[in-house]
Amino acid sequence: MAHTAMSGFGTTPGDDPLQTAVWRLRSRACWADAAALLQPVTAATALQRAGLFVERCLYTEQGWAEAEDALRAAEALAHSDDERGAAACERGYLAYAATLLGVRDRADEARAALGRAAALILPDTPDRALLDFRRGLVAQNLSGSPQAARAAYRRAHAGATAHADALLLSFTWRHLAGLALREGELAEARHGFGESLRIREELGYLVGTAPALASLADAEVEPEASRLREEARRLFRLLGGVPTWLARELTPPAATA
């Protein structure tokens, strides 16, 4: 199952103390606590707050109503094309998450919102790179089009590289590697999964480290694969079973007589 998150805040040297505090809470799966630090009085803070609640939905499969409320507040404050585009990107991502996790089929809404965002967000911007990535997710997981997904992931990867968005790079590496693994390109898959894991460990993105370990395990041979999965299980338990969808991938095989 493919998942991602909003782009990073508070992950680079020189970030202000508020953003650093938000990042530390977010990276440890404390989305509500992180959102509580933000006053949604501007479009930027309202969008960031909404993004935290949307991400919580994707990782916990809970909090949908709160995410909708936060997103509506952000949409009300968005006035420029960039702000409206960013809000549409979050709207599409929330609809994608609801569809992917089987809450409700909102695939058409996801495509329409991300298409609206594409008409508003300028090329060669950080927001465009994130949008490209999310459109890749829809192509892969809702439309069943790995070729379109790969093209979108590559655009996102180039944009994340250009704007030094390390967190987004960790996602593009991982999802490009996942496509490579499906095609039997083990060396390419190991490299991409390894880069994703390295970045997440460097950033301290704890909530995303267990999925990265599990993905790398899928491309490794024994005994390394088992070691990686056990480390993923340890982190998964440490965070109280988040992300919830990872439980199915980390369940040990049943013993046989």
C-alpha atoms as a PDB file:
ATOM      1  CA  MET A   1       0.000   0.000   0.000  1.00  0.00           C
ATOM      2  CA  ALA A   2       1.351   3.421  -0.913  1.00  0.00           C
ATOM      3  CA  HIS A   3       1.182   6.373   1.392  1.00  0.00           C
ATOM      4  CA  THR A   4       2.763   9.758   1.666  1.00  0.00           C
ATOM      5  CA  ALA A   5       2.475  12.990   3.552  1.00  0.00           C
ATOM      6  CA  MET A   6       2.630  16.700   3.170  1.00  0.00           C
ATOM      7  CA  SER A   7       6.048  18.142   2.531  1.00  0.00           C
ATOM      8  CA  GLY A   8       8.341  18.896   5.423  1.00  0.00           C
ATOM      9  CA  PHE A   9       8.348  21.865   7.774  1.00  0.00           C
ATOM     10  CA  GLY A  10      10.949  22.370  10.468  1.00  0.00           C
ATOM     11  CA  THR A  11      13.384  19.955   8.868  1.00  0.00           C
ATOM     12  CA  THR A  12      16.184  22.296   7.807  1.00  0.00           C
ATOM     13  CA  PRO A  13      18.810  24.250   9.762  1.00  0.00           C
ATOM     14  CA  GLY A  14      17.639  27.718  10.734  1.00  0.00           C
ATOM     15  CA  ASP A  15      13.947  26.847  11.009  1.00  0.00           C
ATOM     16  CA  ASP A  16      12.122  28.843  13.658  1.00  0.00           C
ATOM     17  CA  PRO A  17      11.420  27.233  17.034  1.00  0.00           C
ATOM     18  CA  LEU A  18       7.692  26.885  16.367  1.00  0.00           C
ATOM     19  CA  GLN A  19       8.226  24.946  13.159  1.00  0.00           C
ATOM     20  CA  THR A  20      10.848  22.789  14.832  1.00  0.00           C
ATOM     21  CA  ALA A  21       8.417  21.948  17.638  1.00  0.00           C
ATOM     22  CA  VAL A  22       5.660  21.159  15.139  1.00  0.00           C
ATOM     23  CA  TRP A  23       8.026  18.925  13.182  1.00  0.00           C
ATOM     24  CA  ARG A  24       9.163  16.987  16.247  1.00  0.00           C
ATOM     25  CA  LEU A  25       5.587  16.267  17.299  1.00  0.00           C
ATOM     26  CA  ARG A  26       4.501  15.394  13.779  1.00  0.00           C
ATOM     27  CA  SER A  27       7.410  13.032  13.246  1.00  0.00           C
ATOM     28  CA  ARG A  28       6.433  11.146  16.402  1.00  0.00           C
ATOM     29  CA  ALA A  29       2.798  10.695  15.337  1.00  0.00           C
ATOM     30  CA  CYS A  30       1.499  13.485  17.609  1.00  0.00           C
ATOM     31  CA  TRP A  31      -0.451  15.314  14.904  1.00  0.00           C
ATOM     32  CA  ALA A  32      -3.127  16.821  17.150  1.00  0.00           C
ATOM     33  CA  ASP A  33      -0.489  18.196  19.527  1.00  0.00           C
ATOM     34  CA  ALA A  34       1.414  19.663  16.584  1.00  0.00           C
ATOM     35  CA  ALA A  35      -1.744  21.260  15.173  1.00  0.00           C
ATOM     36  CA  ALA A  36      -2.549  22.770  18.570  1.00  0.00           C
ATOM     37  CA  LEU A  37       0.628  24.864  18.294  1.00  0.00           C
ATOM     38  CA  LEU A  38      -0.646  26.539  15.120  1.00  0.00           C
ATOM     39  CA  GLN A  39      -3.145  29.397  15.141  1.00  0.00           C
ATOM     40  CA  PRO A  40      -5.140  29.202  11.877  1.00  0.00           C
ATOM     41  CA  VAL A  41      -5.326  32.956  11.347  1.00  0.00           C
ATOM     42  CA  THR A  42      -3.504  33.023   8.005  1.00  0.00           C
ATOM     43  CA  ALA A  43      -3.871  30.850   4.942  1.00  0.00           C
ATOM     44  CA  ALA A  44      -0.378  29.417   5.440  1.00  0.00           C
ATOM     45  CA  THR A  45      -0.894  28.302   9.038  1.00  0.00           C
ATOM     46  CA  ALA A  46      -4.424  27.062   8.337  1.00  0.00           C
ATOM     47  CA  LEU A  47      -3.143  24.973   5.433  1.00  0.00           C
ATOM     48  CA  GLN A  48      -0.312  23.547   7.495  1.00  0.00           C
ATOM     49  CA  ARG A  49      -2.741  22.698  10.283  1.00  0.00           C
ATOM     50  CA  ALA A  50      -5.116  21.019   7.829  1.00  0.00           C
ATOM     51  CA  GLY A  51      -2.217  19.066   6.359  1.00  0.00           C
ATOM     52  CA  LEU A  52      -1.391  17.663   9.791  1.00  0.00           C
ATOM     53  CA  PHE A  53      -4.937  16.408  10.271  1.00  0.00           C
ATOM     54  CA  VAL A  54      -5.040  14.932   6.776  1.00  0.00           C
ATOM     55  CA  GLU A  55      -1.783  13.127   7.422  1.00  0.00           C
ATOM     56  CA  ARG A  56      -3.182  11.775  10.689  1.00  0.00           C
ATOM     57  CA  CYS A  57      -6.112  10.282   8.754  1.00  0.00           C
ATOM     58  CA  LEU A  58      -3.747   8.469   6.434  1.00  0.00           C
ATOM     59  CA  TYR A  59      -1.601   7.069   9.216  1.00  0.00           C
ATOM     60  CA  THR A  60      -4.312   6.258  11.784  1.00  0.00           C
ATOM     61  CA  GLU A  61      -7.505   5.843   9.691  1.00  0.00           C
ATOM     62  CA  GLN A  62      -9.199   8.177  12.197  1.00  0.00           C
ATOM     63  CA  GLY A  63     -10.015  11.866  12.595  1.00  0.00           C
ATOM     64  CA  TRP A  64     -11.792  12.411   9.281  1.00  0.00           C
ATOM     65  CA  ALA A  65     -14.298  14.987  10.573  1.00  0.00           C
ATOM     66  CA  GLU A  66     -11.559  17.050  12.203  1.00  0.00           C
ATOM     67  CA  ALA A  67      -9.570  16.998   8.976  1.00  0.00           C
ATOM     68  CA  GLU A  68     -12.601  18.164   7.003  1.00  0.00           C
ATOM     69  CA  ASP A  69     -13.203  21.030   9.446  1.00  0.00           C
ATOM     70  CA  ALA A  70      -9.566  22.139   9.309  1.00  0.00           C
ATOM     71  CA  LEU A  71      -9.549  21.927   5.527  1.00  0.00           C
ATOM     72  CA  ARG A  72     -12.707  24.028   5.202  1.00  0.00           C
ATOM     73  CA  ALA A  73     -11.131  26.662   7.449  1.00  0.00           C
ATOM     74  CA  ALA A  74      -8.030  26.703   5.247  1.00  0.00           C
ATOM     75  CA  GLU A  75     -10.103  26.963   2.077  1.00  0.00           C
ATOM     76  CA  ALA A  76     -11.968  29.945   3.531  1.00  0.00           C
ATOM     77  CA  LEU A  77      -8.695  31.791   4.163  1.00  0.00           C
ATOM     78  CA  ALA A  78      -7.131  30.978   0.779  1.00  0.00           C
ATOM     79  CA  HIS A  79      -7.242  33.961  -1.575  1.00  0.00           C
ATOM     80  CA  SER A  80      -4.279  33.825  -3.954  1.00  0.00           C
ATOM     81  CA  ASP A  81      -3.937  31.228  -6.694  1.00  0.00           C
ATOM     82  CA  ASP A  82      -1.081  29.609  -4.792  1.00  0.00           C
ATOM     83  CA  GLU A  83      -3.157  29.352  -1.621  1.00  0.00           C
ATOM     84  CA  ARG A  84      -6.224  28.042  -3.416  1.00  0.00           C
ATOM     85  CA  GLY A  85      -4.049  25.565  -5.276  1.00  0.00           C
ATOM     86  CA  ALA A  86      -2.453  24.315  -2.067  1.00  0.00           C
ATOM     87  CA  ALA A  87      -5.888  23.941  -0.465  1.00  0.00           C
ATOM     88  CA  ALA A  88      -7.143  21.995  -3.490  1.00  0.00           C
ATOM     89  CA  CYS A  89      -4.074  19.758  -3.239  1.00  0.00           C
ATOM     90  CA  GLU A  90      -4.949  18.951   0.390  1.00  0.00           C
ATOM     91  CA  ARG A  91      -8.606  18.414  -0.564  1.00  0.00           C
ATOM     92  CA  GLY A  92      -7.549  15.927  -3.222  1.00  0.00           C
ATOM     93  CA  TYR A  93      -5.187  14.180  -0.843  1.00  0.00           C
ATOM     94  CA  LEU A  94      -7.875  13.756   1.801  1.00  0.00           C
ATOM     95  CA  ALA A  95     -10.255  12.311  -0.799  1.00  0.00           C
ATOM     96  CA  TYR A  96      -7.467   9.994  -1.982  1.00  0.00           C
ATOM     97  CA  ALA A  97      -6.845   8.780   1.567  1.00  0.00           C
ATOM     98  CA  ALA A  98     -10.540   8.102   2.181  1.00  0.00           C
ATOM     99  CA  THR A  99     -10.722   6.084  -1.029  1.00  0.00           C
ATOM    100  CA  LEU A 100      -7.482   4.167  -0.470  1.00  0.00           C
ATOM    101  CA  LEU A 101      -8.416   3.173   3.073  1.00  0.00           C
ATOM    102  CA  GLY A 102     -11.943   2.123   2.147  1.00  0.00           C
ATOM    103  CA  VAL A 103     -13.745   4.821   4.141  1.00  0.00           C
ATOM    104  CA  ARG A 104     -15.691   6.086   1.129  1.00  0.00           C
ATOM    105  CA  ASP A 105     -15.118   6.115  -2.621  1.00  0.00           C
ATOM    106  CA  ARG A 106     -14.013   9.681  -3.341  1.00  0.00           C
ATOM    107  CA  ALA A 107     -11.767   8.897  -6.305  1.00  0.00           C
ATOM    108  CA  ASP A 108     -13.525  11.336  -8.642  1.00  0.00           C
ATOM    109  CA  GLU A 109     -13.243  14.086  -6.040  1.00  0.00           C
ATOM    110  CA  ALA A 110      -9.537  13.337  -5.589  1.00  0.00           C
ATOM    111  CA  ARG A 111      -8.855  13.593  -9.327  1.00  0.00           C
ATOM    112  CA  ALA A 112     -10.936  16.757  -9.714  1.00  0.00           C
ATOM    113  CA  ALA A 113      -9.300  18.527  -6.762  1.00  0.00           C
ATOM    114  CA  LEU A 114      -5.773  17.645  -7.853  1.00  0.00           C
ATOM    115  CA  GLY A 115      -6.617  18.749 -11.375  1.00  0.00           C
ATOM    116  CA  ARG A 116      -7.859  22.061  -9.999  1.00  0.00           C
ATOM    117  CA  ALA A 117      -4.636  22.414  -8.029  1.00  0.00           C
ATOM    118  CA  ALA A 118      -2.608  21.793 -11.195  1.00  0.00           C
ATOM    119  CA  ALA A 119      -4.356  24.728 -12.874  1.00  0.00           C
ATOM    120  CA  LEU A 120      -3.503  27.048  -9.973  1.00  0.00           C
ATOM    121  CA  ILE A 121      -0.017  26.050  -8.782  1.00  0.00           C
ATOM    122  CA  LEU A 122       2.850  27.410 -10.843  1.00  0.00           C
ATOM    123  CA  PRO A 123       5.449  25.061 -12.328  1.00  0.00           C
ATOM    124  CA  ASP A 124       8.885  24.803 -10.696  1.00  0.00           C
ATOM    125  CA  THR A 125       7.599  25.475  -7.177  1.00  0.00           C
ATOM    126  CA  PRO A 126       7.777  23.288  -4.058  1.00  0.00           C
ATOM    127  CA  ASP A 127       3.983  22.981  -4.048  1.00  0.00           C
ATOM    128  CA  ARG A 128       4.086  21.702  -7.621  1.00  0.00           C
ATOM    129  CA  ALA A 129       6.515  18.945  -6.685  1.00  0.00           C
ATOM    130  CA  LEU A 130       4.209  17.782  -3.891  1.00  0.00           C
ATOM    131  CA  LEU A 131       1.216  17.948  -6.245  1.00  0.00           C
ATOM    132  CA  ASP A 132       3.032  15.866  -8.855  1.00  0.00           C
ATOM    133  CA  PHE A 133       3.736  13.238  -6.229  1.00  0.00           C
ATOM    134  CA  ARG A 134       0.129  13.058  -5.098  1.00  0.00           C
ATOM    135  CA  ARG A 135      -1.071  12.790  -8.679  1.00  0.00           C
ATOM    136  CA  GLY A 136       1.326   9.867  -9.011  1.00  0.00           C
ATOM    137  CA  LEU A 137      -0.312   8.197  -6.024  1.00  0.00           C
ATOM    138  CA  VAL A 138      -3.738   8.555  -7.603  1.00  0.00           C
ATOM    139  CA  ALA A 139      -2.442   7.193 -10.912  1.00  0.00           C
ATOM    140  CA  GLN A 140      -0.871   4.177  -9.237  1.00  0.00           C
ATOM    141  CA  ASN A 141      -3.374   3.286  -6.538  1.00  0.00           C
ATOM    142  CA  LEU A 142      -6.726   4.527  -7.829  1.00  0.00           C
ATOM    143  CA  SER A 143      -6.289   4.394 -11.606  1.00  0.00           C
ATOM    144  CA  GLY A 144      -3.975   1.394 -11.862  1.00  0.00           C
ATOM    145  CA  SER A 145      -1.560   3.183 -14.187  1.00  0.00           C
ATOM    146  CA  PRO A 146       2.035   2.544 -13.078  1.00  0.00           C
ATOM    147  CA  GLN A 147       3.495   4.253 -16.159  1.00  0.00           C
ATOM    148  CA  ALA A 148       1.673   7.511 -15.427  1.00  0.00           C
ATOM    149  CA  ALA A 149       2.621   7.150 -11.770  1.00  0.00           C
ATOM    150  CA  ARG A 150       6.298   6.733 -12.604  1.00  0.00           C
ATOM    151  CA  ALA A 151       6.287   9.859 -14.768  1.00  0.00           C
ATOM    152  CA  ALA A 152       4.616  11.865 -12.000  1.00  0.00           C
ATOM    153  CA  TYR A 153       6.998  10.508  -9.347  1.00  0.00           C
ATOM    154  CA  ARG A 154       9.983  11.446 -11.501  1.00  0.00           C
ATOM    155  CA  ARG A 155       8.686  15.003 -11.911  1.00  0.00           C
ATOM    156  CA  ALA A 156       8.166  15.188  -8.166  1.00  0.00           C
ATOM    157  CA  HIS A 157      11.645  13.770  -7.543  1.00  0.00           C
ATOM    158  CA  ALA A 158      13.227  16.406  -9.779  1.00  0.00           C
ATOM    159  CA  GLY A 159      11.236  19.152  -8.076  1.00  0.00           C
ATOM    160  CA  ALA A 160      12.093  17.927  -4.592  1.00  0.00           C
ATOM    161  CA  THR A 161      15.767  17.813  -5.565  1.00  0.00           C
ATOM    162  CA  ALA A 162      15.646  21.332  -6.992  1.00  0.00           C
ATOM    163  CA  HIS A 163      14.010  22.718  -3.833  1.00  0.00           C
ATOM    164  CA  ALA A 164      16.021  20.604  -1.368  1.00  0.00           C
ATOM    165  CA  ASP A 165      12.854  19.041   0.051  1.00  0.00           C
ATOM    166  CA  ALA A 166      14.423  16.059   1.779  1.00  0.00           C
ATOM    167  CA  LEU A 167      11.189  14.632   3.174  1.00  0.00           C
ATOM    168  CA  LEU A 168       9.481  14.595  -0.212  1.00  0.00           C
ATOM    169  CA  LEU A 169      12.602  12.998  -1.685  1.00  0.00           C
ATOM    170  CA  SER A 170      12.259  10.179   0.834  1.00  0.00           C
ATOM    171  CA  PHE A 171       8.799   9.503  -0.580  1.00  0.00           C
ATOM    172  CA  THR A 172       9.759   9.745  -4.242  1.00  0.00           C
ATOM    173  CA  TRP A 173      12.714   7.415  -3.701  1.00  0.00           C
ATOM    174  CA  ARG A 174      10.452   4.913  -1.944  1.00  0.00           C
ATOM    175  CA  HIS A 175       7.677   4.894  -4.515  1.00  0.00           C
ATOM    176  CA  LEU A 176       9.983   4.765  -7.521  1.00  0.00           C
ATOM    177  CA  ALA A 177      11.706   1.863  -5.794  1.00  0.00           C
ATOM    178  CA  GLY A 178       8.364   0.171  -5.263  1.00  0.00           C
ATOM    179  CA  LEU A 179       7.655   0.302  -8.997  1.00  0.00           C
ATOM    180  CA  ALA A 180      11.134  -1.057  -9.696  1.00  0.00           C
ATOM    181  CA  LEU A 181      10.535  -3.943  -7.289  1.00  0.00           C
ATOM    182  CA  ARG A 182       7.290  -4.842  -9.066  1.00  0.00           C
ATOM    183  CA  GLU A 183       9.273  -5.116 -12.290  1.00  0.00           C
ATOM    184  CA  GLY A 184      11.953  -7.299 -10.725  1.00  0.00           C
ATOM    185  CA  GLU A 185      14.655  -4.603 -10.736  1.00  0.00           C
ATOM    186  CA  LEU A 186      16.069  -5.572  -7.349  1.00  0.00           C
ATOM    187  CA  ALA A 187      19.234  -3.470  -7.419  1.00  0.00           C
ATOM    188  CA  GLU A 188      17.294  -0.327  -8.326  1.00  0.00           C
ATOM    189  CA  ALA A 189      14.673  -1.114  -5.690  1.00  0.00           C
ATOM    190  CA  ARG A 190      17.269  -1.663  -2.945  1.00  0.00           C
ATOM    191  CA  HIS A 191      18.979   1.611  -3.819  1.00  0.00           C
ATOM    192  CA  GLY A 192      15.760   3.624  -3.753  1.00  0.00           C
ATOM    193  CA  PHE A 193      14.464   2.050  -0.552  1.00  0.00           C
ATOM    194  CA  GLY A 194      17.869   2.528   1.045  1.00  0.00           C
ATOM    195  CA  GLU A 195      17.930   6.224   0.137  1.00  0.00           C
ATOM    196  CA  SER A 196      14.423   6.685   1.519  1.00  0.00           C
ATOM    197  CA  LEU A 197      15.377   5.042   4.805  1.00  0.00           C
ATOM    198  CA  ARG A 198      18.612   7.030   5.077  1.00  0.00           C
ATOM    199  CA  ILE A 199      16.811  10.353   4.617  1.00  0.00           C
ATOM    200  CA  ARG A 200      14.089   9.524   7.120  1.00  0.00           C
ATOM    201  CA  GLU A 201      16.614   8.482   9.737  1.00  0.00           C
ATOM    202  CA  GLU A 202      18.610  11.657   9.158  1.00  0.00           C
ATOM    203  CA  LEU A 203      15.489  13.816   9.495  1.00  0.00           C
ATOM    204  CA  GLY A 204      14.246  11.959  12.550  1.00  0.00           C
ATOM    205  CA  TYR A 205      10.986  11.151  10.760  1.00  0.00           C
ATOM    206  CA  LEU A 206      10.181   8.349  13.165  1.00  0.00           C
ATOM    207  CA  VAL A 207       6.623   7.691  12.000  1.00  0.00           C
ATOM    208  CA  GLY A 208       7.896   7.062   8.481  1.00  0.00           C
ATOM    209  CA  THR A 209      10.898   4.956   9.409  1.00  0.00           C
ATOM    210  CA  ALA A 210       9.071   1.668  10.068  1.00  0.00           C
ATOM    211  CA  PRO A 211       7.431   1.705   6.602  1.00  0.00           C
ATOM    212  CA  ALA A 212      10.816   2.472   5.058  1.00  0.00           C
ATOM    213  CA  LEU A 213      12.404  -0.473   6.885  1.00  0.00           C
ATOM    214  CA  ALA A 214       9.595  -2.798   5.799  1.00  0.00           C
ATOM    215  CA  SER A 215       9.914  -1.686   2.171  1.00  0.00           C
ATOM    216  CA  LEU A 216      13.658  -2.272   2.142  1.00  0.00           C
ATOM    217  CA  ALA A 217      13.083  -5.704   3.681  1.00  0.00           C
ATOM    218  CA  ASP A 218      10.903  -6.637   0.702  1.00  0.00           C
ATOM    219  CA  ALA A 219      13.896  -6.109  -1.598  1.00  0.00           C
ATOM    220  CA  GLU A 220      16.496  -7.834   0.597  1.00  0.00           C
ATOM    221  CA  VAL A 221      17.429 -11.471   1.145  1.00  0.00           C
ATOM    222  CA  GLU A 222      17.699 -13.338   4.430  1.00  0.00           C
ATOM    223  CA  PRO A 223      18.875 -12.830   7.091  1.00  0.00           C
ATOM    224  CA  GLU A 224      18.881  -9.070   6.378  1.00  0.00           C
ATOM    225  CA  ALA A 225      15.197  -9.037   5.436  1.00  0.00           C
ATOM    226  CA  SER A 226      14.160 -10.506   8.792  1.00  0.00           C
ATOM    227  CA  ARG A 227      16.406  -8.097  10.691  1.00  0.00           C
ATOM    228  CA  LEU A 228      14.842  -5.111   8.934  1.00  0.00           C
ATOM    229  CA  ARG A 229      11.295  -6.349   9.578  1.00  0.00           C
ATOM    230  CA  GLU A 230      12.019  -6.899  13.248  1.00  0.00           C
ATOM    231  CA  GLU A 231      13.369  -3.359  13.551  1.00  0.00           C
ATOM    232  CA  ALA A 232      10.227  -2.108  11.796  1.00  0.00           C
ATOM    233  CA  ARG A 233       8.062  -4.035  14.284  1.00  0.00           C
ATOM    234  CA  ARG A 234       9.946  -2.465  17.182  1.00  0.00           C
ATOM    235  CA  LEU A 235       9.317   1.065  15.921  1.00  0.00           C
ATOM    236  CA  PHE A 236       5.722   0.218  15.053  1.00  0.00           C
ATOM    237  CA  ARG A 237       5.071  -0.917  18.623  1.00  0.00           C
ATOM    238  CA  LEU A 238       6.940   2.118  20.010  1.00  0.00           C
ATOM    239  CA  LEU A 239       4.503   4.428  18.203  1.00  0.00           C
ATOM    240  CA  GLY A 240       1.453   2.534  19.411  1.00  0.00           C
ATOM    241  CA  GLY A 241       0.651   0.762  16.174  1.00  0.00           C
ATOM    242  CA  VAL A 242       1.044   3.655  13.736  1.00  0.00           C
ATOM    243  CA  PRO A 243       0.775   3.655  10.772  1.00  0.00           C
ATOM    244  CA  THR A 244      -2.158   1.299  11.199  1.00  0.00           C
ATOM    245  CA  TRP A 245      -1.940  -0.154   7.690  1.00  0.00           C
ATOM    246  CA  LEU A 246       1.585  -1.412   8.353  1.00  0.00           C
ATOM    247  CA  ALA A 247       0.283  -4.046  10.795  1.00  0.00           C
ATOM    248  CA  ARG A 248      -0.762  -6.327   7.930  1.00  0.00           C
ATOM    249  CA  GLU A 249       2.713  -6.175   6.400  1.00  0.00           C
ATOM    250  CA  LEU A 250       4.540  -6.821   9.670  1.00  0.00           C
ATOM    251  CA  THR A 251       2.470  -9.711  10.982  1.00  0.00           C
ATOM    252  CA  PRO A 252       4.866 -12.673  11.405  1.00  0.00           C
ATOM    253  CA  PRO A 253       3.929 -15.803   9.490  1.00  0.00           C
ATOM    254  CA  ALA A 254       2.007 -18.371  11.503  1.00  0.00           C
ATOM    255  CA  ALA A 255       4.058 -21.235  12.879  1.00  0.00           C
ATOM    256  CA  THR A 256       3.493 -24.621  11.278  1.00  0.00           C
ATOM    257  CA  ALA A 257       3.910 -28.069  12.801  1.00  0.00           C
END
